[in-house]
C-alpha atoms as a PDB file:
ATOM      1  CA  MET A   1       0.000   0.000   0.000  1.00  0.00           C
ATOM      2  CA  LEU A   2       1.120   3.541  -0.729  1.00  0.00           C
ATOM      3  CA  LYS A   3       1.498   5.746   2.310  1.00  0.00           C
ATOM      4  CA  ASN A   4      -1.008   8.555   2.893  1.00  0.00           C
ATOM      5  CA  THR A   5      -3.394   7.606   0.113  1.00  0.00           C
ATOM      6  CA  ILE A   6      -7.142   7.290   0.063  1.00  0.00           C
ATOM      7  CA  THR A   7      -9.958   6.107  -2.203  1.00  0.00           C
ATOM      8  CA  THR A   8     -13.196   8.084  -2.162  1.00  0.00           C
ATOM      9  CA  ILE A   9     -16.447   6.452  -3.250  1.00  0.00           C
ATOM     10  CA  GLY A  10     -19.798   8.087  -3.916  1.00  0.00           C
ATOM     11  CA  GLY A  11     -21.626  10.582  -6.071  1.00  0.00           C
ATOM     12  CA  ALA A  12     -20.500  13.149  -8.617  1.00  0.00           C
ATOM     13  CA  THR A  13     -22.716  15.943  -9.936  1.00  0.00           C
ATOM     14  CA  GLN A  14     -22.784  19.321 -11.557  1.00  0.00           C
ATOM     15  CA  ASP A  15     -24.791  21.724  -9.410  1.00  0.00           C
ATOM     16  CA  ILE A  16     -26.930  24.774 -10.135  1.00  0.00           C
ATOM     17  CA  MET A  17     -26.691  27.110  -7.131  1.00  0.00           C
ATOM     18  CA  PHE A  18     -29.848  29.243  -6.719  1.00  0.00           C
ATOM     19  CA  TYR A  19     -30.084  32.020  -4.097  1.00  0.00           C
ATOM     20  CA  THR A  20     -33.371  33.618  -3.025  1.00  0.00           C
ATOM     21  CA  ASP A  21     -35.013  35.451  -0.125  1.00  0.00           C
ATOM     22  CA  ASP A  22     -38.502  34.972  -1.593  1.00  0.00           C
ATOM     23  CA  MET A  23     -39.577  32.362   0.943  1.00  0.00           C
ATOM     24  CA  ILE A  24     -40.775  31.829   4.525  1.00  0.00           C
ATOM     25  CA  LEU A  25     -38.940  29.787   7.165  1.00  0.00           C
ATOM     26  CA  VAL A  26     -41.406  27.707   9.175  1.00  0.00           C
ATOM     27  CA  ASP A  27     -40.766  26.515  12.739  1.00  0.00           C
ATOM     28  CA  ASN A  28     -41.911  22.904  13.028  1.00  0.00           C
ATOM     29  CA  LYS A  29     -40.518  21.782  16.384  1.00  0.00           C
ATOM     30  CA  ALA A  30     -43.377  19.366  16.915  1.00  0.00           C
ATOM     31  CA  ASP A  31     -41.658  17.056  14.406  1.00  0.00           C
ATOM     32  CA  LEU A  32     -38.137  16.193  15.580  1.00  0.00           C
ATOM     33  CA  LEU A  33     -37.195  14.997  12.089  1.00  0.00           C
ATOM     34  CA  ARG A  34     -38.442  18.128  10.264  1.00  0.00           C
ATOM     35  CA  GLN A  35     -37.864  20.962  12.705  1.00  0.00           C
ATOM     36  CA  LYS A  36     -37.424  23.671  10.062  1.00  0.00           C
ATOM     37  CA  LEU A  37     -39.338  23.988   6.785  1.00  0.00           C
ATOM     38  CA  ILE A  38     -38.996  26.329   3.814  1.00  0.00           C
ATOM     39  CA  ALA A  39     -42.224  27.556   2.202  1.00  0.00           C
ATOM     40  CA  PHE A  40     -42.778  29.140  -1.215  1.00  0.00           C
ATOM     41  CA  GLU A  41     -46.048  30.571  -2.495  1.00  0.00           C
ATOM     42  CA  TYR A  42     -47.872  27.930  -4.513  1.00  0.00           C
ATOM     43  CA  GLY A  43     -47.908  28.812  -8.213  1.00  0.00           C
ATOM     44  CA  ALA A  44     -45.565  31.787  -7.766  1.00  0.00           C
ATOM     45  CA  LYS A  45     -42.467  32.681  -9.785  1.00  0.00           C
ATOM     46  CA  ILE A  46     -39.424  32.645  -7.533  1.00  0.00           C
ATOM     47  CA  TYR A  47     -36.559  34.916  -8.572  1.00  0.00           C
ATOM     48  CA  SER A  48     -32.898  34.604  -7.653  1.00  0.00           C
ATOM     49  CA  GLN A  49     -30.317  37.255  -6.814  1.00  0.00           C
ATOM     50  CA  ASP A  50     -27.552  34.934  -7.980  1.00  0.00           C
ATOM     51  CA  VAL A  51     -27.173  31.690  -9.926  1.00  0.00           C
ATOM     52  CA  SER A  52     -23.947  29.796 -10.582  1.00  0.00           C
ATOM     53  CA  LEU A  53     -22.673  26.399 -11.735  1.00  0.00           C
ATOM     54  CA  SER A  54     -20.387  24.314  -9.550  1.00  0.00           C
ATOM     55  CA  PHE A  55     -19.404  20.686  -8.916  1.00  0.00           C
ATOM     56  CA  GLY A  56     -20.739  18.437  -6.172  1.00  0.00           C
ATOM     57  CA  GLY A  57     -21.539  14.910  -5.065  1.00  0.00           C
ATOM     58  CA  GLY A  58     -20.108  13.360  -1.919  1.00  0.00           C
ATOM     59  CA  GLY A  59     -17.473  11.188  -3.595  1.00  0.00           C
ATOM     60  CA  ALA A  60     -16.209  13.992  -5.835  1.00  0.00           C
ATOM     61  CA  ASN A  61     -16.295  16.598  -3.042  1.00  0.00           C
ATOM     62  CA  ALA A  62     -14.329  14.380  -0.686  1.00  0.00           C
ATOM     63  CA  ALA A  63     -11.749  13.628  -3.389  1.00  0.00           C
ATOM     64  CA  ALA A  64     -11.292  17.349  -4.070  1.00  0.00           C
ATOM     65  CA  ASN A  65     -10.803  18.023  -0.351  1.00  0.00           C
ATOM     66  CA  PHE A  66      -8.250  15.263   0.203  1.00  0.00           C
ATOM     67  CA  ALA A  67      -6.234  16.180  -2.888  1.00  0.00           C
ATOM     68  CA  SER A  68      -6.168  19.861  -1.934  1.00  0.00           C
ATOM     69  CA  LEU A  69      -4.997  18.982   1.594  1.00  0.00           C
ATOM     70  CA  GLY A  70      -2.049  17.036   0.207  1.00  0.00           C
ATOM     71  CA  ILE A  71      -3.390  13.481   0.428  1.00  0.00           C
ATOM     72  CA  LYS A  72      -2.777  11.316  -2.641  1.00  0.00           C
ATOM     73  CA  THR A  73      -6.291  10.545  -3.818  1.00  0.00           C
ATOM     74  CA  GLN A  74      -8.110   8.264  -6.215  1.00  0.00           C
ATOM     75  CA  THR A  75     -11.860   8.076  -6.637  1.00  0.00           C
ATOM     76  CA  ILE A  76     -14.546   5.624  -7.735  1.00  0.00           C
ATOM     77  CA  LEU A  77     -17.404   7.527  -9.370  1.00  0.00           C
ATOM     78  CA  SER A  78     -20.015   6.815 -12.047  1.00  0.00           C
ATOM     79  CA  ILE A  79     -20.715   9.430 -14.732  1.00  0.00           C
ATOM     80  CA  GLY A  80     -22.206   9.585 -18.208  1.00  0.00           C
ATOM     81  CA  GLN A  81     -20.336  10.235 -21.420  1.00  0.00           C
ATOM     82  CA  ASP A  82     -22.131  13.554 -21.797  1.00  0.00           C
ATOM     83  CA  ALA A  83     -21.174  17.203 -21.420  1.00  0.00           C
ATOM     84  CA  ILE A  84     -21.772  17.183 -17.653  1.00  0.00           C
ATOM     85  CA  GLY A  85     -19.765  13.982 -17.236  1.00  0.00           C
ATOM     86  CA  GLN A  86     -16.878  15.430 -19.225  1.00  0.00           C
ATOM     87  CA  ALA A  87     -16.922  18.588 -17.106  1.00  0.00           C
ATOM     88  CA  ILE A  88     -16.848  16.479 -13.915  1.00  0.00           C
ATOM     89  CA  PHE A  89     -13.985  14.363 -15.285  1.00  0.00           C
ATOM     90  CA  ASP A  90     -11.969  17.425 -16.357  1.00  0.00           C
ATOM     91  CA  ASN A  91     -12.434  18.954 -12.900  1.00  0.00           C
ATOM     92  CA  LEU A  92     -10.989  15.812 -11.268  1.00  0.00           C
ATOM     93  CA  LYS A  93      -7.985  15.911 -13.584  1.00  0.00           C
ATOM     94  CA  ARG A  94      -7.368  19.599 -12.827  1.00  0.00           C
ATOM     95  CA  ARG A  95      -7.322  18.770  -9.146  1.00  0.00           C
ATOM     96  CA  LYS A  96      -4.771  15.971  -9.687  1.00  0.00           C
ATOM     97  CA  ILE A  97      -7.154  13.241  -8.536  1.00  0.00           C
ATOM     98  CA  ALA A  98      -6.424   9.807 -10.002  1.00  0.00           C
ATOM     99  CA  THR A  99      -9.276   8.927 -12.387  1.00  0.00           C
ATOM    100  CA  HIS A 100      -8.399   5.380 -13.499  1.00  0.00           C
ATOM    101  CA  LEU A 101     -11.314   3.967 -11.461  1.00  0.00           C
ATOM    102  CA  VAL A 102     -13.908   6.482 -12.686  1.00  0.00           C
ATOM    103  CA  GLN A 103     -16.705   4.660 -14.513  1.00  0.00           C
ATOM    104  CA  ARG A 104     -17.986   6.350 -17.715  1.00  0.00           C
ATOM    105  CA  HIS A 105     -21.242   5.169 -19.306  1.00  0.00           C
ATOM    106  CA  SER A 106     -22.380   5.893 -22.867  1.00  0.00           C
ATOM    107  CA  LYS A 107     -26.059   5.166 -22.159  1.00  0.00           C
ATOM    108  CA  LEU A 108     -26.458   6.964 -18.822  1.00  0.00           C
ATOM    109  CA  THR A 109     -26.888  10.628 -17.918  1.00  0.00           C
ATOM    110  CA  SER A 110     -24.561  12.214 -15.382  1.00  0.00           C
ATOM    111  CA  GLY A 111     -25.963  13.306 -12.038  1.00  0.00           C
ATOM    112  CA  ASN A 112     -26.935  16.903 -11.425  1.00  0.00           C
ATOM    113  CA  SER A 113     -28.526  18.954  -8.661  1.00  0.00           C
ATOM    114  CA  PHE A 114     -30.562  22.114  -8.173  1.00  0.00           C
ATOM    115  CA  ILE A 115     -29.682  23.736  -4.849  1.00  0.00           C
ATOM    116  CA  VAL A 116     -31.837  26.450  -3.281  1.00  0.00           C
ATOM    117  CA  ASN A 117     -29.966  28.571  -0.722  1.00  0.00           C
ATOM    118  CA  VAL A 118     -32.035  30.607   1.752  1.00  0.00           C
ATOM    119  CA  GLY A 119     -31.961  32.297   5.161  1.00  0.00           C
ATOM    120  CA  SER A 120     -29.391  34.249   7.136  1.00  0.00           C
ATOM    121  CA  PHE A 121     -26.911  31.334   7.070  1.00  0.00           C
ATOM    122  CA  ASN A 122     -27.770  30.452   3.452  1.00  0.00           C
ATOM    123  CA  GLU A 123     -28.923  27.006   4.481  1.00  0.00           C
ATOM    124  CA  HIS A 124     -29.927  24.932   1.512  1.00  0.00           C
ATOM    125  CA  VAL A 125     -32.385  22.413   0.147  1.00  0.00           C
ATOM    126  CA  LEU A 126     -30.962  20.159  -2.545  1.00  0.00           C
ATOM    127  CA  PHE A 127     -33.012  18.633  -5.354  1.00  0.00           C
ATOM    128  CA  ALA A 128     -30.928  15.802  -6.789  1.00  0.00           C
ATOM    129  CA  TYR A 129     -31.033  13.756  -9.957  1.00  0.00           C
ATOM    130  CA  ARG A 130     -28.748  10.789  -9.312  1.00  0.00           C
ATOM    131  CA  GLY A 131     -28.508   9.555 -12.900  1.00  0.00           C
ATOM    132  CA  ALA A 132     -25.359   7.491 -13.487  1.00  0.00           C
ATOM    133  CA  ASN A 133     -24.624   7.565  -9.747  1.00  0.00           C
ATOM    134  CA  HIS A 134     -27.259   4.827  -9.342  1.00  0.00           C
ATOM    135  CA  ASP A 135     -25.092   2.471 -11.399  1.00  0.00           C
ATOM    136  CA  ILE A 136     -21.745   2.750  -9.635  1.00  0.00           C
ATOM    137  CA  ASP A 137     -20.049  -0.660  -9.871  1.00  0.00           C
ATOM    138  CA  LEU A 138     -18.727  -1.999  -6.564  1.00  0.00           C
ATOM    139  CA  SER A 139     -18.545  -5.627  -7.609  1.00  0.00           C
ATOM    140  CA  PRO A 140     -15.751  -7.808  -6.144  1.00  0.00           C
ATOM    141  CA  LYS A 141     -13.754  -7.263  -9.361  1.00  0.00           C
ATOM    142  CA  ILE A 142     -13.814  -3.493  -8.796  1.00  0.00           C
ATOM    143  CA  VAL A 143     -13.280  -3.350  -5.030  1.00  0.00           C
ATOM    144  CA  ARG A 144     -10.256  -5.654  -5.322  1.00  0.00           C
ATOM    145  CA  LYS A 145      -8.561  -2.744  -7.104  1.00  0.00           C
ATOM    146  CA  ILE A 146      -8.692  -0.706  -3.890  1.00  0.00           C
ATOM    147  CA  THR A 147      -5.256  -0.977  -2.278  1.00  0.00           C
ATOM    148  CA  THR A 148      -5.129   2.286  -0.353  1.00  0.00           C
ATOM    149  CA  PRO A 149      -4.890   2.271   3.457  1.00  0.00           C
ATOM    150  CA  TRP A 150      -8.069   4.355   3.713  1.00  0.00           C
ATOM    151  CA  VAL A 151     -11.474   4.432   2.036  1.00  0.00           C
ATOM    152  CA  TYR A 152     -13.811   7.408   2.396  1.00  0.00           C
ATOM    153  CA  LEU A 153     -17.347   6.223   1.623  1.00  0.00           C
ATOM    154  CA  THR A 154     -20.210   8.647   1.003  1.00  0.00           C
ATOM    155  CA  SER A 155     -23.788   8.272  -0.210  1.00  0.00           C
ATOM    156  CA  LEU A 156     -24.768   5.390  -2.499  1.00  0.00           C
ATOM    157  CA  SER A 157     -28.070   5.067  -4.336  1.00  0.00           C
ATOM    158  CA  GLY A 158     -29.901   2.414  -6.286  1.00  0.00           C
ATOM    159  CA  ASN A 159     -29.403  -1.220  -5.303  1.00  0.00           C
ATOM    160  CA  PHE A 160     -26.527  -0.700  -2.870  1.00  0.00           C
ATOM    161  CA  THR A 161     -26.732  -3.454  -0.210  1.00  0.00           C
ATOM    162  CA  GLY A 162     -24.617  -5.951  -2.152  1.00  0.00           C
ATOM    163  CA  LYS A 163     -22.154  -3.171  -2.937  1.00  0.00           C
ATOM    164  CA  LEU A 164     -21.726  -2.419   0.761  1.00  0.00           C
ATOM    165  CA  ASN A 165     -21.162  -6.113   1.473  1.00  0.00           C
ATOM    166  CA  ASN A 166     -18.471  -6.352  -1.220  1.00  0.00           C
ATOM    167  CA  LEU A 167     -16.678  -3.214  -0.077  1.00  0.00           C
ATOM    168  CA  PHE A 168     -16.697  -3.913   3.660  1.00  0.00           C
ATOM    169  CA  GLU A 169     -15.614  -7.538   3.188  1.00  0.00           C
ATOM    170  CA  HIS A 170     -12.689  -6.438   1.029  1.00  0.00           C
ATOM    171  CA  CYS A 171     -11.621  -3.687   3.429  1.00  0.00           C
ATOM    172  CA  GLN A 172     -11.805  -5.997   6.437  1.00  0.00           C
ATOM    173  CA  LYS A 173      -9.761  -8.646   4.630  1.00  0.00           C
ATOM    174  CA  LYS A 174      -7.086  -6.127   3.575  1.00  0.00           C
ATOM    175  CA  ASN A 175      -7.115  -4.158   6.849  1.00  0.00           C
ATOM    176  CA  ILE A 176      -8.249  -0.980   5.082  1.00  0.00           C
ATOM    177  CA  GLN A 177      -9.748   1.675   7.351  1.00  0.00           C
ATOM    178  CA  ILE A 178     -13.173   2.988   6.359  1.00  0.00           C
ATOM    179  CA  ALA A 179     -14.522   6.452   7.075  1.00  0.00           C
ATOM    180  CA  TRP A 180     -18.247   6.416   6.342  1.00  0.00           C
ATOM    181  CA  ASN A 181     -20.634   9.310   5.842  1.00  0.00           C
ATOM    182  CA  PRO A 182     -23.784   7.380   4.828  1.00  0.00           C
ATOM    183  CA  GLY A 183     -26.418   8.941   2.624  1.00  0.00           C
ATOM    184  CA  LYS A 184     -30.180   9.146   3.003  1.00  0.00           C
ATOM    185  CA  ASP A 185     -30.830   5.770   1.354  1.00  0.00           C
ATOM    186  CA  GLN A 186     -28.354   3.990   3.628  1.00  0.00           C
ATOM    187  CA  LEU A 187     -29.871   5.601   6.717  1.00  0.00           C
ATOM    188  CA  LYS A 188     -33.280   4.232   5.724  1.00  0.00           C
ATOM    189  CA  LEU A 189     -31.929   0.755   6.474  1.00  0.00           C
ATOM    190  CA  GLY A 190     -32.093   1.628  10.148  1.00  0.00           C
ATOM    191  CA  LEU A 191     -29.523   1.143  12.870  1.00  0.00           C
ATOM    192  CA  LYS A 192     -29.997  -2.631  13.212  1.00  0.00           C
ATOM    193  CA  LYS A 193     -29.085  -3.277   9.572  1.00  0.00           C
ATOM    194  CA  LEU A 194     -26.311  -0.683   9.517  1.00  0.00           C
ATOM    195  CA  ALA A 195     -24.703  -2.159  12.638  1.00  0.00           C
ATOM    196  CA  LYS A 196     -22.939  -5.025  10.839  1.00  0.00           C
ATOM    197  CA  PHE A 197     -21.065  -2.457   8.741  1.00  0.00           C
ATOM    198  CA  MET A 198     -20.507   0.017  11.553  1.00  0.00           C
ATOM    199  CA  LYS A 199     -18.613  -2.512  13.673  1.00  0.00           C
ATOM    200  CA  THR A 200     -15.797  -2.593  11.096  1.00  0.00           C
ATOM    201  CA  THR A 201     -15.879   1.173  10.450  1.00  0.00           C
ATOM    202  CA  CYS A 202     -13.151   3.485  11.724  1.00  0.00           C
ATOM    203  CA  VAL A 203     -15.026   6.816  11.437  1.00  0.00           C
ATOM    204  CA  PHE A 204     -18.834   6.954  11.370  1.00  0.00           C
ATOM    205  CA  ASP A 205     -19.936  10.503  10.544  1.00  0.00           C
ATOM    206  CA  LEU A 206     -23.498  11.916  10.629  1.00  0.00           C
ATOM    207  CA  ASN A 207     -25.191  15.214  11.250  1.00  0.00           C
ATOM    208  CA  ARG A 208     -27.320  15.580  14.359  1.00  0.00           C
ATOM    209  CA  ASP A 209     -30.671  15.203  12.578  1.00  0.00           C
ATOM    210  CA  GLU A 210     -29.532  12.011  10.841  1.00  0.00           C
ATOM    211  CA  ALA A 211     -28.195  10.562  14.090  1.00  0.00           C
ATOM    212  CA  LEU A 212     -31.413  11.355  15.933  1.00  0.00           C
ATOM    213  CA  GLU A 213     -33.489   9.802  13.151  1.00  0.00           C
ATOM    214  CA  LEU A 214     -31.511   6.550  13.437  1.00  0.00           C
ATOM    215  CA  LEU A 215     -32.000   6.404  17.190  1.00  0.00           C
ATOM    216  CA  ILE A 216     -35.703   7.250  17.025  1.00  0.00           C
ATOM    217  CA  GLY A 217     -36.126   4.393  14.557  1.00  0.00           C
ATOM    218  CA  LEU A 218     -34.451   1.990  16.992  1.00  0.00           C
ATOM    219  CA  LYS A 219     -35.595   3.254  20.378  1.00  0.00           C
ATOM    220  CA  LYS A 220     -38.993   4.730  19.519  1.00  0.00           C
ATOM    221  CA  GLY A 221     -40.021   6.992  22.414  1.00  0.00           C
ATOM    222  CA  GLN A 222     -36.780   6.481  24.358  1.00  0.00           C
ATOM    223  CA  ALA A 223     -34.530   8.574  22.093  1.00  0.00           C
ATOM    224  CA  LYS A 224     -33.369  11.903  23.509  1.00  0.00           C
ATOM    225  CA  ASN A 225     -32.236  14.951  21.568  1.00  0.00           C
ATOM    226  CA  ASN A 226     -29.178  15.185  23.802  1.00  0.00           C
ATOM    227  CA  ILE A 227     -25.746  15.110  22.190  1.00  0.00           C
ATOM    228  CA  ARG A 228     -24.085  12.852  24.780  1.00  0.00           C
ATOM    229  CA  PHE A 229     -26.968  10.393  24.558  1.00  0.00           C
ATOM    230  CA  ILE A 230     -26.736  10.432  20.752  1.00  0.00           C
ATOM    231  CA  LEU A 231     -22.964   9.894  20.678  1.00  0.00           C
ATOM    232  CA  LYS A 232     -22.907   7.108  23.233  1.00  0.00           C
ATOM    233  CA  GLU A 233     -25.889   5.222  21.823  1.00  0.00           C
ATOM    234  CA  LEU A 234     -24.491   5.325  18.294  1.00  0.00           C
ATOM    235  CA  HIS A 235     -21.066   4.287  19.515  1.00  0.00           C
ATOM    236  CA  LYS A 236     -22.478   1.044  20.915  1.00  0.00           C
ATOM    237  CA  GLN A 237     -22.520  -0.320  17.339  1.00  0.00           C
ATOM    238  CA  GLY A 238     -18.735  -0.799  17.448  1.00  0.00           C
ATOM    239  CA  GLN A 239     -17.128   1.848  15.230  1.00  0.00           C
ATOM    240  CA  LYS A 240     -13.807   3.259  16.435  1.00  0.00           C
ATOM    241  CA  LEU A 241     -14.837   6.930  16.227  1.00  0.00           C
ATOM    242  CA  THR A 242     -18.346   8.426  16.231  1.00  0.00           C
ATOM    243  CA  VAL A 243     -18.682  11.909  14.752  1.00  0.00           C
ATOM    244  CA  VAL A 244     -21.802  14.100  14.901  1.00  0.00           C
ATOM    245  CA  THR A 245     -21.916  17.533  13.289  1.00  0.00           C
ATOM    246  CA  ASP A 246     -24.305  20.144  14.673  1.00  0.00           C
ATOM    247  CA  GLY A 247     -24.580  22.785  11.953  1.00  0.00           C
ATOM    248  CA  PRO A 248     -23.413  26.289  12.951  1.00  0.00           C
ATOM    249  CA  LYS A 249     -22.733  25.118  16.516  1.00  0.00           C
ATOM    250  CA  GLY A 250     -19.779  22.865  15.651  1.00  0.00           C
ATOM    251  CA  ALA A 251     -18.935  19.163  15.763  1.00  0.00           C
ATOM    252  CA  TYR A 252     -18.503  16.358  18.294  1.00  0.00           C
ATOM    253  CA  LEU A 253     -16.261  13.285  18.239  1.00  0.00           C
ATOM    254  CA  TYR A 254     -16.464  10.335  20.633  1.00  0.00           C
ATOM    255  CA  ASP A 255     -13.851   7.582  20.938  1.00  0.00           C
ATOM    256  CA  GLY A 256     -15.659   5.539  23.588  1.00  0.00           C
ATOM    257  CA  LYS A 257     -13.873   7.297  26.441  1.00  0.00           C
ATOM    258  CA  LYS A 258     -13.954  11.028  25.833  1.00  0.00           C
ATOM    259  CA  VAL A 259     -16.255  13.447  24.003  1.00  0.00           C
ATOM    260  CA  TYR A 260     -14.303  15.977  21.934  1.00  0.00           C
ATOM    261  CA  PHE A 261     -15.949  19.207  20.743  1.00  0.00           C
ATOM    262  CA  ARG A 262     -14.852  21.956  18.409  1.00  0.00           C
ATOM    263  CA  ALA A 263     -17.103  25.001  17.980  1.00  0.00           C
ATOM    264  CA  ALA A 264     -17.779  26.349  14.526  1.00  0.00           C
ATOM    265  CA  LEU A 265     -16.107  29.653  13.737  1.00  0.00           C
ATOM    266  CA  LYS A 266     -18.339  32.676  14.214  1.00  0.00           C
ATOM    267  CA  ARG A 267     -18.248  33.765  10.597  1.00  0.00           C
ATOM    268  CA  LYS A 268     -21.392  34.144   8.528  1.00  0.00           C
ATOM    269  CA  GLY A 269     -21.098  31.902   5.490  1.00  0.00           C
ATOM    270  CA  ILE A 270     -22.630  32.480   2.079  1.00  0.00           C
ATOM    271  CA  ASN A 271     -23.173  28.802   1.222  1.00  0.00           C
ATOM    272  CA  THR A 272     -23.549  25.605   3.248  1.00  0.00           C
ATOM    273  CA  THR A 273     -23.401  23.197   0.297  1.00  0.00           C
ATOM    274  CA  GLY A 274     -20.512  20.787   0.808  1.00  0.00           C
ATOM    275  CA  ALA A 275     -19.982  21.826   4.428  1.00  0.00           C
ATOM    276  CA  GLY A 276     -20.476  18.258   5.663  1.00  0.00           C
ATOM    277  CA  ASP A 277     -18.197  16.769   2.993  1.00  0.00           C
ATOM    278  CA  SER A 278     -15.456  19.307   3.693  1.00  0.00           C
ATOM    279  CA  PHE A 279     -15.701  18.740   7.438  1.00  0.00           C
ATOM    280  CA  GLY A 280     -15.653  14.936   7.226  1.00  0.00           C
ATOM    281  CA  SER A 281     -12.839  14.720   4.687  1.00  0.00           C
ATOM    282  CA  GLY A 282     -10.907  17.409   6.561  1.00  0.00           C
ATOM    283  CA  LEU A 283     -11.191  15.409   9.778  1.00  0.00           C
ATOM    284  CA  VAL A 284     -10.033  12.189   8.095  1.00  0.00           C
ATOM    285  CA  ALA A 285      -7.199  14.057   6.354  1.00  0.00           C
ATOM    286  CA  GLY A 286      -6.169  15.135   9.853  1.00  0.00           C
ATOM    287  CA  LEU A 287      -6.213  11.558  11.143  1.00  0.00           C
ATOM    288  CA  ILE A 288      -3.866  10.622   8.277  1.00  0.00           C
ATOM    289  CA  LYS A 289      -1.596  13.674   8.455  1.00  0.00           C
ATOM    290  CA  TYR A 290      -1.393  13.950  12.261  1.00  0.00           C
ATOM    291  CA  ASP A 291      -1.158  10.268  13.234  1.00  0.00           C
ATOM    292  CA  GLN A 292      -4.671   9.952  14.733  1.00  0.00           C
ATOM    293  CA  ASP A 293      -4.434  13.155  16.810  1.00  0.00           C
ATOM    294  CA  LEU A 294      -8.154  13.676  17.496  1.00  0.00           C
ATOM    295  CA  ASP A 295      -7.970  17.310  18.607  1.00  0.00           C
ATOM    296  CA  LYS A 296      -5.968  18.412  15.571  1.00  0.00           C
ATOM    297  CA  SER A 297      -8.102  16.344  13.210  1.00  0.00           C
ATOM    298  CA  LEU A 298     -11.328  17.865  14.545  1.00  0.00           C
ATOM    299  CA  LYS A 299      -9.781  21.310  14.236  1.00  0.00           C
ATOM    300  CA  LEU A 300      -8.821  20.697  10.602  1.00  0.00           C
ATOM    301  CA  GLY A 301     -12.355  19.513   9.830  1.00  0.00           C
ATOM    302  CA  ILE A 302     -13.875  22.682  11.311  1.00  0.00           C
ATOM    303  CA  TYR A 303     -11.438  25.052   9.587  1.00  0.00           C
ATOM    304  CA  ASN A 304     -11.874  23.324   6.242  1.00  0.00           C
ATOM    305  CA  SER A 305     -15.671  23.401   6.505  1.00  0.00           C
ATOM    306  CA  ASN A 306     -15.634  27.057   7.509  1.00  0.00           C
ATOM    307  CA  SER A 307     -13.483  27.890   4.504  1.00  0.00           C
ATOM    308  CA  VAL A 308     -15.895  26.123   2.139  1.00  0.00           C
ATOM    309  CA  ILE A 309     -19.000  27.950   3.390  1.00  0.00           C
ATOM    310  CA  MET A 310     -17.340  31.286   2.565  1.00  0.00           C
ATOM    311  CA  LYS A 311     -17.458  30.481  -1.174  1.00  0.00           C
ATOM    312  CA  ILE A 312     -20.246  29.512  -3.563  1.00  0.00           C
ATOM    313  CA  GLY A 313     -20.182  25.782  -4.368  1.00  0.00           C
ATOM    314  CA  ALA A 314     -19.029  22.678  -2.556  1.00  0.00           C
ATOM    315  CA  GLN A 315     -15.445  22.727  -3.852  1.00  0.00           C
ATOM    316  CA  GLN A 316     -14.471  26.398  -4.166  1.00  0.00           C
ATOM    317  CA  GLY A 317     -13.290  27.250  -0.656  1.00  0.00           C
ATOM    318  CA  ILE A 318     -11.361  24.066   0.140  1.00  0.00           C
ATOM    319  CA  LEU A 319      -8.163  24.639   2.132  1.00  0.00           C
ATOM    320  CA  ALA A 320      -4.844  23.766   0.517  1.00  0.00           C
ATOM    321  CA  ALA A 321      -2.013  22.057   2.370  1.00  0.00           C
ATOM    322  CA  SER A 322      -0.110  25.352   2.167  1.00  0.00           C
ATOM    323  CA  ASP A 323      -2.880  27.091   4.172  1.00  0.00           C
ATOM    324  CA  LEU A 324      -2.476  24.915   7.256  1.00  0.00           C
ATOM    325  CA  LYS A 325       0.458  26.754   8.845  1.00  0.00           C
ATOM    326  CA  LYS A 326      -1.638  29.854   9.483  1.00  0.00           C
ATOM    327  CA  TYR A 327      -4.052  27.690  11.459  1.00  0.00           C
ATOM    328  CA  LYS A 328      -1.148  26.164  13.396  1.00  0.00           C
ATOM    329  CA  LEU A 329      -1.767  22.768  11.852  1.00  0.00           C
END
């Protein structure tokens, strides 16, 4: 295995970023899983102050972050042989990400997203078309090509259960460490079905709403919206590190003994798209660069995420390795 290298796996998209104030934020605290809603007038025309194109998708975002932070990176993605797919592929090449495992399909359309950014923190709602991302190949033949010491796994769609089995079996056999930021479809499996994968995971990374949803599904009325409860209950599934992000408040990490916390920086961002990807990949980059130093890794995740939310798009504000000295990293 090559030292300090990682394989990212997940989605790749081109994104349309749409900004508007022509909406109402609705408090919905009666529903723990949908505490804030965005409302638009039915039948209205909604205008934007700003629209831009950018790149996204968990697998592509993570790859861009690792490469920028000085980690040798390869990625497994699925794209179409169309204009969007070519733009995604060219962006990977520009960022010096190894593309030999990128899967290009002549009969599939590349994934794309429409992202509406609203509110004082420019929180977003993402409308996604997965396209070729549904057909990512994680057969035994493909996963055997993964020889890096780390895998960073993001959202999978389509028929993914067999793909997870193939990947986790290979990584366990080859002693490859997995950092996992599961997507919406994986979370629908519920904690009982996720547990068999979590026990061989090094870093299990969710946001607070996702974590609470998993625990409500398992414990019904016994789940508490308390961060220590959430961390400790999730950690019982056997992963080495449990990470829960809490939006503009910051992020928590639990190693089974101690709860680590790093507050978010008090800077108003202009875009939250990619904040989770930049935090998670920044944290794992820290684990690799700083020999599992949890404090420094958490700090790198927070600083990287904060840098991304200051720019439009999921990949524009990523920190470079050369930036780390000013943060004493």
